[in-house]
Amino acid sequence: MNYYKKSKKILKEKIKEDRKISKTDWDNYAASNCLFSSNTLMFHVEAKSFEDLKERLL
């Protein structure tokens, strides 16, 4: 299983549900569901902030 792809897919879904999702909200959800944190996803996508990450994923 590729946890990066799974994390990215689920984060996209969460952003579509709630565009105002915060970094803390995602990190709590990710920790509870064995997904990558916002910092790890930002590193892979080369985003400067969580807001930048959300824009790049949509």
Protein backbone atom coordinates (compact mmCIF):
# COMPACT_ATOMS: atom_id res chain seq x y z
CA MET A 1 0.00 0.00 0.00
CA ASN A 2 1.31 3.43 -0.91
CA TYR A 3 0.57 5.64 2.10
CA TYR A 4 1.68 8.79 0.27
CA LYS A 5 -0.91 8.33 -2.48
CA LYS A 6 -3.57 7.32 0.05
CA SER A 7 -2.84 10.37 2.22
CA LYS A 8 -2.87 12.70 -0.75
CA LYS A 9 -6.18 11.29 -2.02
CA ILE A 10 -7.90 11.54 1.35
CA LEU A 11 -6.60 15.06 1.95
CA LYS A 12 -8.05 16.11 -1.43
CA GLU A 13 -11.40 14.66 -0.35
CA LYS A 14 -11.23 16.45 3.00
CA ILE A 15 -10.42 19.76 1.31
CA LYS A 16 -13.39 19.35 -1.02
CA GLU A 17 -15.64 18.70 2.00
CA ASP A 18 -14.28 21.65 3.99
CA ARG A 19 -12.06 24.21 2.28
CA LYS A 20 -11.21 25.74 5.65
CA ILE A 21 -9.62 22.58 7.06
CA SER A 22 -6.64 23.55 9.17
CA LYS A 23 -3.21 22.01 9.39
CA THR A 24 -3.96 20.88 12.95
CA ASP A 25 -7.24 19.27 11.91
CA TRP A 26 -5.48 17.31 9.16
CA ASP A 27 -2.59 16.28 11.40
CA ASN A 28 -5.00 14.96 14.05
CA TYR A 29 -7.01 13.06 11.42
CA ALA A 30 -3.84 11.72 9.79
CA ALA A 31 -2.40 10.52 13.10
CA SER A 32 -5.64 8.72 13.94
CA ASN A 33 -5.79 7.01 10.55
CA CYS A 34 -2.10 6.16 9.90
CA LEU A 35 -1.69 8.76 7.13
CA PHE A 36 1.11 11.19 6.34
CA SER A 37 1.19 14.47 8.24
CA SER A 38 0.82 17.86 6.62
CA ASN A 39 4.57 18.49 6.89
CA THR A 40 5.41 15.28 5.04
CA LEU A 41 2.90 16.05 2.28
CA MET A 42 4.18 19.63 2.00
CA PHE A 43 7.73 18.31 1.59
CA HIS A 44 6.73 15.91 -1.19
CA VAL A 45 4.71 18.52 -3.09
CA GLU A 46 7.29 21.25 -2.38
CA ALA A 47 4.66 23.55 -0.88
CA LYS A 48 5.65 26.48 1.29
CA SER A 49 2.65 26.30 3.61
CA PHE A 50 -0.43 24.21 4.28
CA GLU A 51 -2.53 26.73 2.36
CA ASP A 52 -0.16 26.35 -0.60
CA LEU A 53 -0.48 22.58 -0.33
CA LYS A 54 -4.28 22.79 -0.42
CA GLU A 55 -4.12 24.95 -3.57
CA ARG A 56 -1.71 22.57 -5.28
CA LEU A 57 -3.83 19.52 -4.53
CA LEU A 58 -6.99 20.99 -6.00
